[in-house]
Amino acid sequence: MKKLYPDAKLIWVDAHIDANTPASSPSGNAHGMPLAYLSGIVPLHTHWKCVDIEKDLCYFGIRSFEEDEEQMIRDKGVLVFEPEDSKVEALQQIHRDMNAHFNHTKDSKYWISFDIDAVDSAEFKSTGTAEGNGLSLDFAYKFFEKFTPRTVGMDLTEVNFELTEGVQRQQDEQTFRELFEFICDQVNQPVYDQEQTYVSMTSSKTKKIDI
């Protein structure tokens, strides 16, 4: 992503900070360490250092983390939107805050990393690390409606229907199917700024249209 879109930023939507190191992780599970490797906190290969945590990253939904991780993002001034602040009616202000933090234009680009455990466990349980007090599905839909057309790519992780059964599993399967189809529907949607200016995803030109 960084080679093709060097100015693109990373939106990390997750219940967890995912920047543990082998020294700070109680479990030692590598799936809690991806940002530590991608940012070079844990050296692996020099070409893997593709995320500047201070400049490239913002979080949505984090609520379960180690003290070292929390201190790191505080020290580096990472932009964090807590679950209680991630409301549908706040999305316009959230986007303004992101643009200000990243010094972005209205035609900014993002990569979205979406871990399903960012969603409150009351609304989706088929994941290995379900957490309460998370993002609502209503917010998730509006988030994707807002940001998917602005993305250069995304990943969606930690869905595991083997961890639930019966009615719960059926509900989660339906929830995920509808959410995934909605995301796909947003991929080729046009982007509008706050002045209702159409911003093409394939051209730097803009034009005014009535909507």
N, C-alpha and C. Protein backbone atom coordinates (compact mmCIF):
# COMPACT_ATOMS: atom_id res chain seq x y z
N MET A 1 0.82 -1.19 0.00
CA MET A 1 0.00 0.00 0.00
C MET A 1 0.87 1.26 0.00
N LYS A 2 1.87 1.29 0.85
CA LYS A 2 2.70 2.48 0.99
C LYS A 2 3.48 2.79 -0.28
N LYS A 3 3.82 1.78 -1.05
CA LYS A 3 4.53 2.03 -2.31
C LYS A 3 3.62 2.71 -3.32
N LEU A 4 2.36 2.29 -3.37
CA LEU A 4 1.41 2.85 -4.32
C LEU A 4 0.76 4.14 -3.81
N TYR A 5 0.51 4.19 -2.51
CA TYR A 5 -0.17 5.34 -1.91
C TYR A 5 0.60 5.78 -0.67
N PRO A 6 1.73 6.46 -0.85
CA PRO A 6 2.60 6.80 0.28
C PRO A 6 1.94 7.71 1.32
N ASP A 7 0.91 8.45 0.92
CA ASP A 7 0.25 9.36 1.86
C ASP A 7 -0.98 8.75 2.52
N ALA A 8 -1.32 7.53 2.17
CA ALA A 8 -2.51 6.90 2.76
C ALA A 8 -2.27 6.61 4.24
N LYS A 9 -3.34 6.69 5.01
CA LYS A 9 -3.29 6.47 6.45
C LYS A 9 -4.00 5.17 6.82
N LEU A 10 -3.72 4.68 8.00
CA LEU A 10 -4.24 3.40 8.46
C LEU A 10 -5.29 3.61 9.55
N ILE A 11 -6.52 3.16 9.27
CA ILE A 11 -7.59 3.18 10.28
C ILE A 11 -7.67 1.78 10.88
N TRP A 12 -7.34 1.68 12.15
CA TRP A 12 -7.31 0.38 12.84
C TRP A 12 -8.55 0.29 13.72
N VAL A 13 -9.51 -0.54 13.32
CA VAL A 13 -10.77 -0.69 14.05
C VAL A 13 -10.72 -2.02 14.78
N ASP A 14 -10.68 -1.97 16.11
CA ASP A 14 -10.34 -3.17 16.86
C ASP A 14 -10.65 -2.94 18.33
N ALA A 15 -10.92 -4.02 19.05
CA ALA A 15 -11.03 -3.92 20.50
C ALA A 15 -9.66 -3.79 21.15
N HIS A 16 -8.61 -4.13 20.39
CA HIS A 16 -7.26 -4.23 20.95
C HIS A 16 -6.29 -3.32 20.19
N ILE A 17 -5.26 -2.87 20.88
CA ILE A 17 -4.27 -1.99 20.27
C ILE A 17 -3.37 -2.76 19.31
N ASP A 18 -3.14 -4.05 19.57
CA ASP A 18 -2.38 -4.93 18.69
C ASP A 18 -0.94 -4.46 18.46
N ALA A 19 -0.35 -3.85 19.48
CA ALA A 19 1.04 -3.41 19.38
C ALA A 19 1.87 -4.00 20.51
N ASN A 20 1.45 -5.17 21.00
CA ASN A 20 2.26 -5.86 22.00
C ASN A 20 3.58 -6.32 21.40
N THR A 21 4.54 -6.54 22.25
CA THR A 21 5.82 -7.12 21.86
C THR A 21 5.96 -8.46 22.58
N PRO A 22 6.91 -9.28 22.16
CA PRO A 22 7.13 -10.54 22.90
C PRO A 22 7.40 -10.30 24.39
N ALA A 23 7.95 -9.14 24.72
CA ALA A 23 8.24 -8.84 26.13
C ALA A 23 7.01 -8.38 26.90
N SER A 24 6.07 -7.69 26.21
CA SER A 24 4.92 -7.11 26.92
C SER A 24 3.68 -7.99 26.88
N SER A 25 3.65 -8.98 25.99
CA SER A 25 2.46 -9.79 25.83
C SER A 25 2.35 -10.88 26.88
N PRO A 26 1.28 -10.91 27.67
CA PRO A 26 1.11 -11.99 28.66
C PRO A 26 0.92 -13.35 28.00
N SER A 27 0.27 -13.38 26.83
CA SER A 27 -0.04 -14.65 26.18
C SER A 27 1.03 -15.10 25.21
N GLY A 28 1.79 -14.13 24.67
CA GLY A 28 2.77 -14.45 23.64
C GLY A 28 2.17 -14.69 22.27
N ASN A 29 0.87 -14.41 22.11
CA ASN A 29 0.21 -14.63 20.83
C ASN A 29 0.62 -13.56 19.82
N ALA A 30 1.09 -14.00 18.66
CA ALA A 30 1.56 -13.07 17.64
C ALA A 30 0.43 -12.21 17.08
N HIS A 31 -0.83 -12.71 17.15
CA HIS A 31 -1.92 -11.92 16.58
C HIS A 31 -2.19 -10.64 17.38
N GLY A 32 -1.54 -10.50 18.54
CA GLY A 32 -1.64 -9.25 19.30
C GLY A 32 -0.47 -8.32 19.05
N MET A 33 0.37 -8.62 18.05
CA MET A 33 1.60 -7.87 17.82
C MET A 33 1.77 -7.25 16.43
N PRO A 34 0.79 -7.32 15.53
CA PRO A 34 1.06 -6.90 14.15
C PRO A 34 1.60 -5.48 14.02
N LEU A 35 1.05 -4.54 14.79
CA LEU A 35 1.53 -3.16 14.64
C LEU A 35 2.92 -2.96 15.22
N ALA A 36 3.30 -3.79 16.17
CA ALA A 36 4.66 -3.71 16.70
C ALA A 36 5.66 -4.09 15.62
N TYR A 37 5.30 -5.05 14.77
CA TYR A 37 6.18 -5.45 13.68
C TYR A 37 6.10 -4.48 12.50
N LEU A 38 4.88 -4.08 12.13
CA LEU A 38 4.72 -3.20 10.97
C LEU A 38 5.35 -1.83 11.20
N SER A 39 5.42 -1.41 12.46
CA SER A 39 5.98 -0.10 12.76
C SER A 39 7.45 -0.14 13.14
N GLY A 40 8.00 -1.34 13.27
CA GLY A 40 9.42 -1.45 13.62
C GLY A 40 9.71 -1.42 15.10
N ILE A 41 8.64 -1.38 15.95
CA ILE A 41 8.88 -1.45 17.40
C ILE A 41 9.62 -2.75 17.72
N VAL A 42 9.21 -3.83 17.07
CA VAL A 42 9.94 -5.09 17.12
C VAL A 42 10.62 -5.26 15.76
N PRO A 43 11.94 -5.14 15.70
CA PRO A 43 12.62 -5.27 14.40
C PRO A 43 12.46 -6.67 13.83
N LEU A 44 12.14 -6.73 12.56
CA LEU A 44 12.05 -8.00 11.87
C LEU A 44 12.85 -7.92 10.57
N HIS A 45 12.27 -7.25 9.60
CA HIS A 45 12.99 -6.94 8.36
C HIS A 45 12.83 -5.45 8.11
N THR A 46 13.86 -4.80 7.64
CA THR A 46 13.82 -3.34 7.48
C THR A 46 12.69 -2.92 6.53
N HIS A 47 12.41 -3.73 5.51
CA HIS A 47 11.37 -3.33 4.56
C HIS A 47 9.97 -3.52 5.11
N TRP A 48 9.85 -4.12 6.30
CA TRP A 48 8.54 -4.29 6.90
C TRP A 48 8.08 -3.04 7.63
N LYS A 49 8.99 -2.11 7.89
CA LYS A 49 8.60 -0.91 8.64
C LYS A 49 7.84 0.02 7.72
N CYS A 50 6.53 -0.16 7.67
CA CYS A 50 5.71 0.60 6.72
C CYS A 50 4.67 1.47 7.40
N VAL A 51 4.61 1.46 8.73
CA VAL A 51 3.65 2.27 9.46
C VAL A 51 4.39 3.15 10.45
N ASP A 52 4.21 4.46 10.33
CA ASP A 52 4.70 5.41 11.32
C ASP A 52 3.55 5.64 12.29
N ILE A 53 3.67 5.10 13.48
CA ILE A 53 2.55 5.14 14.43
C ILE A 53 2.12 6.57 14.73
N GLU A 54 3.06 7.49 14.80
CA GLU A 54 2.72 8.88 15.12
C GLU A 54 1.98 9.56 13.98
N LYS A 55 2.33 9.22 12.74
CA LYS A 55 1.82 9.98 11.59
C LYS A 55 0.76 9.24 10.77
N ASP A 56 0.73 7.92 10.84
CA ASP A 56 -0.07 7.14 9.89
C ASP A 56 -1.29 6.46 10.48
N LEU A 57 -1.49 6.50 11.78
CA LEU A 57 -2.42 5.58 12.43
C LEU A 57 -3.48 6.29 13.24
N CYS A 58 -4.72 5.79 13.16
CA CYS A 58 -5.74 6.16 14.15
C CYS A 58 -6.54 4.92 14.51
N TYR A 59 -7.10 4.93 15.71
CA TYR A 59 -7.84 3.79 16.25
C TYR A 59 -9.31 4.11 16.44
N PHE A 60 -10.14 3.08 16.23
CA PHE A 60 -11.54 3.10 16.63
C PHE A 60 -11.81 1.87 17.48
N GLY A 61 -12.49 2.04 18.60
CA GLY A 61 -13.04 0.91 19.34
C GLY A 61 -12.15 0.23 20.34
N ILE A 62 -10.91 0.69 20.55
CA ILE A 62 -10.02 -0.04 21.45
C ILE A 62 -10.53 0.07 22.89
N ARG A 63 -10.44 -1.05 23.61
CA ARG A 63 -10.89 -1.07 25.00
C ARG A 63 -10.26 -2.20 25.81
N SER A 64 -9.34 -2.95 25.21
CA SER A 64 -8.65 -4.03 25.91
C SER A 64 -7.19 -4.01 25.48
N PHE A 65 -6.28 -3.75 26.44
CA PHE A 65 -4.88 -3.57 26.06
C PHE A 65 -3.98 -3.70 27.28
N GLU A 66 -2.69 -3.83 27.01
CA GLU A 66 -1.69 -3.88 28.08
C GLU A 66 -1.21 -2.45 28.39
N GLU A 67 -0.66 -2.27 29.58
CA GLU A 67 -0.21 -0.94 30.01
C GLU A 67 0.86 -0.39 29.07
N ASP A 68 1.77 -1.25 28.60
CA ASP A 68 2.83 -0.78 27.71
C ASP A 68 2.25 -0.26 26.39
N GLU A 69 1.23 -0.93 25.89
CA GLU A 69 0.59 -0.48 24.65
C GLU A 69 -0.09 0.87 24.85
N GLU A 70 -0.83 0.98 25.93
CA GLU A 70 -1.53 2.24 26.20
C GLU A 70 -0.55 3.39 26.35
N GLN A 71 0.53 3.16 27.07
CA GLN A 71 1.52 4.21 27.26
C GLN A 71 2.16 4.61 25.93
N MET A 72 2.41 3.64 25.08
CA MET A 72 3.03 3.91 23.79
C MET A 72 2.17 4.83 22.95
N ILE A 73 0.86 4.54 22.85
CA ILE A 73 0.02 5.38 21.99
C ILE A 73 -0.20 6.76 22.62
N ARG A 74 -0.15 6.83 23.95
CA ARG A 74 -0.23 8.16 24.59
C ARG A 74 1.03 8.96 24.30
N ASP A 75 2.18 8.32 24.43
CA ASP A 75 3.45 9.02 24.20
C ASP A 75 3.57 9.51 22.76
N LYS A 76 3.04 8.74 21.84
CA LYS A 76 3.16 9.09 20.42
C LYS A 76 2.01 9.94 19.90
N GLY A 77 1.05 10.24 20.77
CA GLY A 77 -0.05 11.11 20.38
C GLY A 77 -0.95 10.52 19.30
N VAL A 78 -1.18 9.22 19.37
CA VAL A 78 -2.02 8.56 18.37
C VAL A 78 -3.48 9.01 18.54
N LEU A 79 -4.14 9.23 17.43
CA LEU A 79 -5.54 9.63 17.45
C LEU A 79 -6.40 8.41 17.77
N VAL A 80 -7.22 8.51 18.82
CA VAL A 80 -8.05 7.40 19.26
C VAL A 80 -9.50 7.87 19.41
N PHE A 81 -10.41 7.14 18.79
CA PHE A 81 -11.83 7.39 18.97
C PHE A 81 -12.39 6.26 19.84
N GLU A 82 -12.72 6.59 21.08
CA GLU A 82 -13.23 5.60 22.01
C GLU A 82 -14.61 5.11 21.55
N PRO A 83 -15.01 3.90 21.96
CA PRO A 83 -16.33 3.40 21.57
C PRO A 83 -17.46 4.36 21.97
N GLU A 84 -17.35 4.95 23.15
CA GLU A 84 -18.43 5.83 23.59
C GLU A 84 -18.52 7.12 22.78
N ASP A 85 -17.42 7.46 22.08
CA ASP A 85 -17.43 8.65 21.23
C ASP A 85 -17.74 8.33 19.78
N SER A 86 -17.82 7.05 19.45
CA SER A 86 -18.02 6.63 18.06
C SER A 86 -19.51 6.43 17.81
N LYS A 87 -20.17 7.54 17.58
CA LYS A 87 -21.61 7.56 17.35
C LYS A 87 -21.89 8.01 15.93
N VAL A 88 -23.00 7.55 15.38
CA VAL A 88 -23.36 7.90 14.01
C VAL A 88 -23.40 9.41 13.82
N GLU A 89 -24.00 10.10 14.78
CA GLU A 89 -24.16 11.55 14.63
C GLU A 89 -22.83 12.30 14.76
N ALA A 90 -21.79 11.61 15.21
CA ALA A 90 -20.48 12.26 15.37
C ALA A 90 -19.55 12.04 14.19
N LEU A 91 -20.00 11.32 13.15
CA LEU A 91 -19.09 10.93 12.07
C LEU A 91 -18.50 12.12 11.30
N GLN A 92 -19.30 13.14 11.07
CA GLN A 92 -18.76 14.31 10.37
C GLN A 92 -17.64 14.95 11.17
N GLN A 93 -17.85 15.10 12.48
CA GLN A 93 -16.81 15.69 13.31
C GLN A 93 -15.60 14.76 13.41
N ILE A 94 -15.84 13.46 13.48
CA ILE A 94 -14.74 12.49 13.50
C ILE A 94 -13.88 12.65 12.25
N HIS A 95 -14.53 12.78 11.09
CA HIS A 95 -13.78 12.94 9.84
C HIS A 95 -12.98 14.24 9.84
N ARG A 96 -13.57 15.31 10.35
CA ARG A 96 -12.82 16.57 10.45
C ARG A 96 -11.62 16.42 11.36
N ASP A 97 -11.81 15.74 12.49
CA ASP A 97 -10.69 15.52 13.43
C ASP A 97 -9.58 14.70 12.78
N MET A 98 -9.96 13.69 11.97
CA MET A 98 -8.97 12.88 11.28
C MET A 98 -8.19 13.71 10.27
N ASN A 99 -8.90 14.52 9.49
CA ASN A 99 -8.22 15.36 8.51
C ASN A 99 -7.25 16.33 9.18
N ALA A 100 -7.67 16.90 10.31
CA ALA A 100 -6.81 17.82 11.03
C ALA A 100 -5.58 17.10 11.59
N HIS A 101 -5.80 15.92 12.15
CA HIS A 101 -4.69 15.16 12.73
C HIS A 101 -3.68 14.73 11.67
N PHE A 102 -4.19 14.27 10.53
CA PHE A 102 -3.31 13.78 9.47
C PHE A 102 -2.90 14.88 8.50
N ASN A 103 -3.41 16.09 8.71
CA ASN A 103 -3.15 17.19 7.77
C ASN A 103 -3.56 16.77 6.36
N HIS A 104 -4.74 16.19 6.28
CA HIS A 104 -5.24 15.61 5.04
C HIS A 104 -6.15 16.58 4.31
N THR A 105 -6.29 16.36 3.02
CA THR A 105 -7.29 17.05 2.23
C THR A 105 -8.59 16.26 2.28
N LYS A 106 -9.63 16.79 1.65
CA LYS A 106 -10.92 16.10 1.64
C LYS A 106 -10.89 14.84 0.79
N ASP A 107 -9.90 14.73 -0.10
CA ASP A 107 -9.76 13.54 -0.95
C ASP A 107 -8.71 12.60 -0.38
N SER A 108 -8.68 12.48 0.94
CA SER A 108 -7.69 11.64 1.60
C SER A 108 -7.96 10.16 1.33
N LYS A 109 -6.92 9.35 1.49
CA LYS A 109 -7.01 7.91 1.25
C LYS A 109 -6.64 7.14 2.52
N TYR A 110 -7.26 5.96 2.66
CA TYR A 110 -7.05 5.16 3.86
C TYR A 110 -6.94 3.67 3.52
N TRP A 111 -6.29 2.95 4.41
CA TRP A 111 -6.43 1.50 4.49
C TRP A 111 -7.21 1.23 5.78
N ILE A 112 -8.24 0.38 5.70
CA ILE A 112 -9.02 0.03 6.88
C ILE A 112 -8.65 -1.38 7.31
N SER A 113 -8.23 -1.53 8.56
CA SER A 113 -8.07 -2.85 9.15
C SER A 113 -9.19 -3.01 10.17
N PHE A 114 -10.14 -3.88 9.86
CA PHE A 114 -11.35 -4.02 10.68
C PHE A 114 -11.39 -5.40 11.32
N ASP A 115 -11.19 -5.43 12.62
CA ASP A 115 -11.34 -6.65 13.40
C ASP A 115 -12.76 -6.69 13.92
N ILE A 116 -13.47 -7.78 13.67
CA ILE A 116 -14.87 -7.85 14.03
C ILE A 116 -15.09 -7.71 15.54
N ASP A 117 -14.05 -7.96 16.36
CA ASP A 117 -14.25 -7.79 17.80
C ASP A 117 -14.35 -6.32 18.21
N ALA A 118 -14.16 -5.40 17.25
CA ALA A 118 -14.44 -3.99 17.54
C ALA A 118 -15.92 -3.78 17.82
N VAL A 119 -16.76 -4.63 17.21
CA VAL A 119 -18.20 -4.56 17.43
C VAL A 119 -18.54 -5.13 18.81
N ASP A 120 -19.46 -4.51 19.47
CA ASP A 120 -19.88 -4.95 20.80
C ASP A 120 -20.31 -6.42 20.75
N SER A 121 -19.86 -7.18 21.74
CA SER A 121 -20.16 -8.61 21.77
C SER A 121 -21.66 -8.89 21.91
N ALA A 122 -22.42 -7.91 22.35
CA ALA A 122 -23.87 -8.09 22.41
C ALA A 122 -24.48 -8.18 21.02
N GLU A 123 -23.77 -7.69 20.01
CA GLU A 123 -24.28 -7.69 18.64
C GLU A 123 -23.57 -8.69 17.74
N PHE A 124 -22.40 -9.19 18.16
CA PHE A 124 -21.68 -10.20 17.37
C PHE A 124 -20.73 -10.95 18.30
N LYS A 125 -20.89 -12.27 18.37
CA LYS A 125 -20.11 -13.07 19.31
C LYS A 125 -19.14 -14.04 18.64
N SER A 126 -19.25 -14.23 17.32
CA SER A 126 -18.45 -15.26 16.65
C SER A 126 -17.04 -14.77 16.34
N THR A 127 -16.29 -14.55 17.40
CA THR A 127 -14.89 -14.13 17.28
C THR A 127 -14.15 -14.61 18.52
N GLY A 128 -12.88 -14.82 18.38
CA GLY A 128 -12.10 -15.43 19.46
C GLY A 128 -11.90 -14.55 20.66
N THR A 129 -12.01 -13.23 20.47
CA THR A 129 -11.74 -12.31 21.59
C THR A 129 -12.87 -11.29 21.70
N ALA A 130 -14.08 -11.78 21.83
CA ALA A 130 -15.24 -10.89 21.92
C ALA A 130 -15.14 -10.01 23.17
N GLU A 131 -15.47 -8.74 23.00
CA GLU A 131 -15.39 -7.78 24.10
C GLU A 131 -16.69 -6.96 24.15
N GLY A 132 -17.15 -6.68 25.36
CA GLY A 132 -18.32 -5.83 25.52
C GLY A 132 -17.98 -4.36 25.37
N ASN A 133 -19.01 -3.53 25.42
CA ASN A 133 -18.86 -2.07 25.37
C ASN A 133 -18.13 -1.60 24.12
N GLY A 134 -18.46 -2.23 22.99
CA GLY A 134 -17.78 -1.89 21.75
C GLY A 134 -18.61 -1.03 20.82
N LEU A 135 -18.21 -1.00 19.56
CA LEU A 135 -18.93 -0.23 18.55
C LEU A 135 -20.27 -0.88 18.24
N SER A 136 -21.25 -0.06 17.96
CA SER A 136 -22.54 -0.60 17.52
C SER A 136 -22.49 -0.96 16.05
N LEU A 137 -23.35 -1.87 15.64
CA LEU A 137 -23.44 -2.19 14.22
C LEU A 137 -23.94 -1.00 13.41
N ASP A 138 -24.81 -0.19 14.00
CA ASP A 138 -25.25 1.02 13.31
C ASP A 138 -24.07 1.91 12.97
N PHE A 139 -23.15 2.07 13.92
CA PHE A 139 -21.97 2.88 13.64
C PHE A 139 -21.10 2.22 12.59
N ALA A 140 -20.94 0.90 12.67
CA ALA A 140 -20.11 0.20 11.69
C ALA A 140 -20.63 0.42 10.27
N TYR A 141 -21.93 0.34 10.08
CA TYR A 141 -22.50 0.57 8.75
C TYR A 141 -22.21 1.99 8.27
N LYS A 142 -22.43 2.97 9.11
CA LYS A 142 -22.19 4.35 8.71
C LYS A 142 -20.71 4.64 8.52
N PHE A 143 -19.88 3.98 9.33
CA PHE A 143 -18.43 4.11 9.17
C PHE A 143 -18.01 3.63 7.79
N PHE A 144 -18.48 2.45 7.39
CA PHE A 144 -18.11 1.92 6.08
C PHE A 144 -18.71 2.75 4.95
N GLU A 145 -19.91 3.25 5.15
CA GLU A 145 -20.51 4.12 4.14
C GLU A 145 -19.65 5.37 3.94
N LYS A 146 -19.10 5.88 5.02
CA LYS A 146 -18.30 7.10 4.97
C LYS A 146 -16.91 6.84 4.39
N PHE A 147 -16.26 5.78 4.82
CA PHE A 147 -14.83 5.64 4.54
C PHE A 147 -14.48 4.62 3.45
N THR A 148 -15.35 3.64 3.19
CA THR A 148 -14.98 2.65 2.17
C THR A 148 -14.68 3.29 0.82
N PRO A 149 -15.47 4.25 0.34
CA PRO A 149 -15.13 4.85 -0.95
C PRO A 149 -13.81 5.61 -0.95
N ARG A 150 -13.30 5.91 0.25
CA ARG A 150 -12.04 6.63 0.35
C ARG A 150 -10.84 5.70 0.57
N THR A 151 -11.07 4.40 0.57
CA THR A 151 -9.99 3.48 0.89
C THR A 151 -9.26 2.99 -0.35
N VAL A 152 -8.01 2.59 -0.12
CA VAL A 152 -7.24 1.92 -1.17
C VAL A 152 -7.21 0.42 -0.93
N GLY A 153 -7.82 -0.03 0.16
CA GLY A 153 -7.90 -1.45 0.47
C GLY A 153 -8.29 -1.63 1.92
N MET A 154 -8.61 -2.89 2.27
CA MET A 154 -8.95 -3.17 3.66
C MET A 154 -8.78 -4.65 3.96
N ASP A 155 -8.73 -4.97 5.24
CA ASP A 155 -8.81 -6.36 5.68
C ASP A 155 -9.89 -6.44 6.75
N LEU A 156 -10.55 -7.59 6.81
CA LEU A 156 -11.59 -7.84 7.81
C LEU A 156 -11.26 -9.17 8.47
N THR A 157 -11.02 -9.14 9.77
CA THR A 157 -10.40 -10.28 10.44
C THR A 157 -11.20 -10.80 11.64
N GLU A 158 -10.79 -12.00 12.06
CA GLU A 158 -11.19 -12.67 13.31
C GLU A 158 -12.67 -13.05 13.37
N VAL A 159 -13.26 -13.34 12.22
CA VAL A 159 -14.60 -13.93 12.20
C VAL A 159 -14.44 -15.44 12.30
N ASN A 160 -15.09 -16.05 13.28
CA ASN A 160 -14.96 -17.50 13.49
C ASN A 160 -16.29 -18.06 13.98
N PHE A 161 -17.07 -18.60 13.05
CA PHE A 161 -18.39 -19.12 13.40
C PHE A 161 -18.32 -20.44 14.16
N GLU A 162 -17.15 -21.06 14.21
CA GLU A 162 -17.00 -22.31 14.96
C GLU A 162 -17.09 -22.06 16.47
N LEU A 163 -17.01 -20.80 16.88
CA LEU A 163 -17.02 -20.49 18.31
C LEU A 163 -18.42 -20.29 18.87
N THR A 164 -19.42 -20.31 18.00
CA THR A 164 -20.80 -20.18 18.45
C THR A 164 -21.62 -21.32 17.83
N GLU A 165 -22.84 -21.44 18.28
CA GLU A 165 -23.69 -22.51 17.76
C GLU A 165 -25.15 -22.10 17.87
N GLY A 166 -26.01 -22.87 17.23
CA GLY A 166 -27.44 -22.66 17.32
C GLY A 166 -27.88 -21.30 16.81
N VAL A 167 -28.82 -20.71 17.53
CA VAL A 167 -29.40 -19.43 17.12
C VAL A 167 -28.35 -18.34 17.05
N GLN A 168 -27.42 -18.34 18.02
CA GLN A 168 -26.39 -17.30 18.02
C GLN A 168 -25.55 -17.36 16.76
N ARG A 169 -25.16 -18.56 16.38
CA ARG A 169 -24.36 -18.70 15.16
C ARG A 169 -25.15 -18.24 13.94
N GLN A 170 -26.41 -18.62 13.85
CA GLN A 170 -27.23 -18.20 12.72
C GLN A 170 -27.36 -16.68 12.67
N GLN A 171 -27.54 -16.07 13.83
CA GLN A 171 -27.65 -14.61 13.87
C GLN A 171 -26.35 -13.96 13.41
N ASP A 172 -25.23 -14.48 13.89
CA ASP A 172 -23.93 -13.91 13.52
C ASP A 172 -23.64 -14.10 12.04
N GLU A 173 -23.99 -15.26 11.50
CA GLU A 173 -23.78 -15.50 10.07
C GLU A 173 -24.58 -14.49 9.24
N GLN A 174 -25.82 -14.26 9.63
CA GLN A 174 -26.65 -13.30 8.92
C GLN A 174 -26.11 -11.88 9.06
N THR A 175 -25.69 -11.54 10.27
CA THR A 175 -25.12 -10.21 10.52
C THR A 175 -23.90 -9.98 9.66
N PHE A 176 -23.00 -10.96 9.63
CA PHE A 176 -21.78 -10.80 8.87
C PHE A 176 -22.06 -10.74 7.37
N ARG A 177 -22.95 -11.59 6.90
CA ARG A 177 -23.29 -11.60 5.47
C ARG A 177 -23.81 -10.22 5.04
N GLU A 178 -24.71 -9.66 5.83
CA GLU A 178 -25.28 -8.36 5.48
C GLU A 178 -24.23 -7.26 5.54
N LEU A 179 -23.36 -7.32 6.55
CA LEU A 179 -22.31 -6.30 6.67
C LEU A 179 -21.32 -6.40 5.52
N PHE A 180 -20.92 -7.62 5.18
CA PHE A 180 -19.96 -7.81 4.09
C PHE A 180 -20.54 -7.35 2.76
N GLU A 181 -21.79 -7.70 2.51
CA GLU A 181 -22.43 -7.27 1.26
C GLU A 181 -22.53 -5.75 1.21
N PHE A 182 -22.80 -5.14 2.35
CA PHE A 182 -22.90 -3.68 2.40
C PHE A 182 -21.54 -3.04 2.07
N ILE A 183 -20.47 -3.59 2.65
CA ILE A 183 -19.13 -3.07 2.36
C ILE A 183 -18.83 -3.16 0.88
N CYS A 184 -19.13 -4.30 0.28
CA CYS A 184 -18.88 -4.48 -1.16
C CYS A 184 -19.67 -3.47 -1.97
N ASP A 185 -20.88 -3.17 -1.55
CA ASP A 185 -21.70 -2.21 -2.28
C ASP A 185 -21.11 -0.80 -2.23
N GLN A 186 -20.31 -0.51 -1.20
CA GLN A 186 -19.75 0.83 -1.05
C GLN A 186 -18.48 1.06 -1.85
N VAL A 187 -17.87 -0.01 -2.33
CA VAL A 187 -16.53 0.11 -2.92
C VAL A 187 -16.48 1.09 -4.07
N ASN A 188 -17.45 1.06 -4.95
CA ASN A 188 -17.42 1.92 -6.12
C ASN A 188 -18.35 3.12 -6.01
N GLN A 189 -18.73 3.45 -4.79
CA GLN A 189 -19.58 4.61 -4.60
C GLN A 189 -18.76 5.89 -4.73
N PRO A 190 -19.35 6.97 -5.25
CA PRO A 190 -18.63 8.24 -5.33
C PRO A 190 -18.46 8.85 -3.95
N VAL A 191 -17.48 9.73 -3.82
CA VAL A 191 -17.19 10.42 -2.57
C VAL A 191 -17.68 11.85 -2.67
N TYR A 192 -18.32 12.33 -1.60
CA TYR A 192 -18.77 13.72 -1.55
C TYR A 192 -18.13 14.40 -0.34
N ASP A 193 -17.68 15.61 -0.55
CA ASP A 193 -17.18 16.37 0.60
C ASP A 193 -18.36 17.09 1.25
N GLN A 194 -18.08 17.88 2.28
CA GLN A 194 -19.15 18.49 3.04
C GLN A 194 -19.88 19.59 2.25
N GLU A 195 -19.27 20.07 1.17
CA GLU A 195 -19.92 21.07 0.32
C GLU A 195 -20.67 20.40 -0.84
N GLN A 196 -20.85 19.06 -0.75
CA GLN A 196 -21.57 18.31 -1.77
C GLN A 196 -20.85 18.35 -3.11
N THR A 197 -19.53 18.44 -3.07
CA THR A 197 -18.73 18.38 -4.28
C THR A 197 -18.36 16.93 -4.54
N TYR A 198 -18.64 16.48 -5.75
CA TYR A 198 -18.29 15.11 -6.12
C TYR A 198 -16.79 15.03 -6.34
N VAL A 199 -16.14 14.08 -5.68
CA VAL A 199 -14.71 13.86 -5.82
C VAL A 199 -14.51 12.51 -6.47
N SER A 200 -14.03 12.47 -7.69
CA SER A 200 -13.85 11.22 -8.42
C SER A 200 -12.77 10.39 -7.78
N MET A 201 -12.97 9.06 -7.75
CA MET A 201 -11.94 8.17 -7.22
C MET A 201 -10.89 7.85 -8.28
N THR A 202 -11.11 8.27 -9.52
CA THR A 202 -10.16 7.95 -10.58
C THR A 202 -9.58 9.20 -11.21
N SER A 203 -9.95 10.37 -10.74
CA SER A 203 -9.46 11.61 -11.34
C SER A 203 -9.32 12.66 -10.26
N SER A 204 -8.38 13.57 -10.46
CA SER A 204 -8.18 14.65 -9.49
C SER A 204 -9.16 15.79 -9.73
N LYS A 205 -9.93 15.74 -10.82
CA LYS A 205 -10.88 16.79 -11.14
C LYS A 205 -12.14 16.65 -10.29
N THR A 206 -12.75 17.78 -9.99
CA THR A 206 -14.02 17.75 -9.28
C THR A 206 -15.05 18.53 -10.07
N LYS A 207 -16.30 18.26 -9.79
CA LYS A 207 -17.35 19.02 -10.42
C LYS A 207 -18.53 19.11 -9.47
N LYS A 208 -19.25 20.19 -9.55
CA LYS A 208 -20.42 20.38 -8.72
C LYS A 208 -21.62 19.66 -9.34
N ILE A 209 -22.35 18.95 -8.50
CA ILE A 209 -23.58 18.33 -8.96
C ILE A 209 -24.65 18.53 -7.93
N ASP A 210 -25.87 18.39 -8.27
CA ASP A 210 -26.99 18.52 -7.34
C ASP A 210 -27.33 17.16 -6.78
N ILE A 211 -27.41 17.07 -5.45
CA ILE A 211 -27.81 15.82 -4.81
C ILE A 211 -28.83 16.14 -3.71
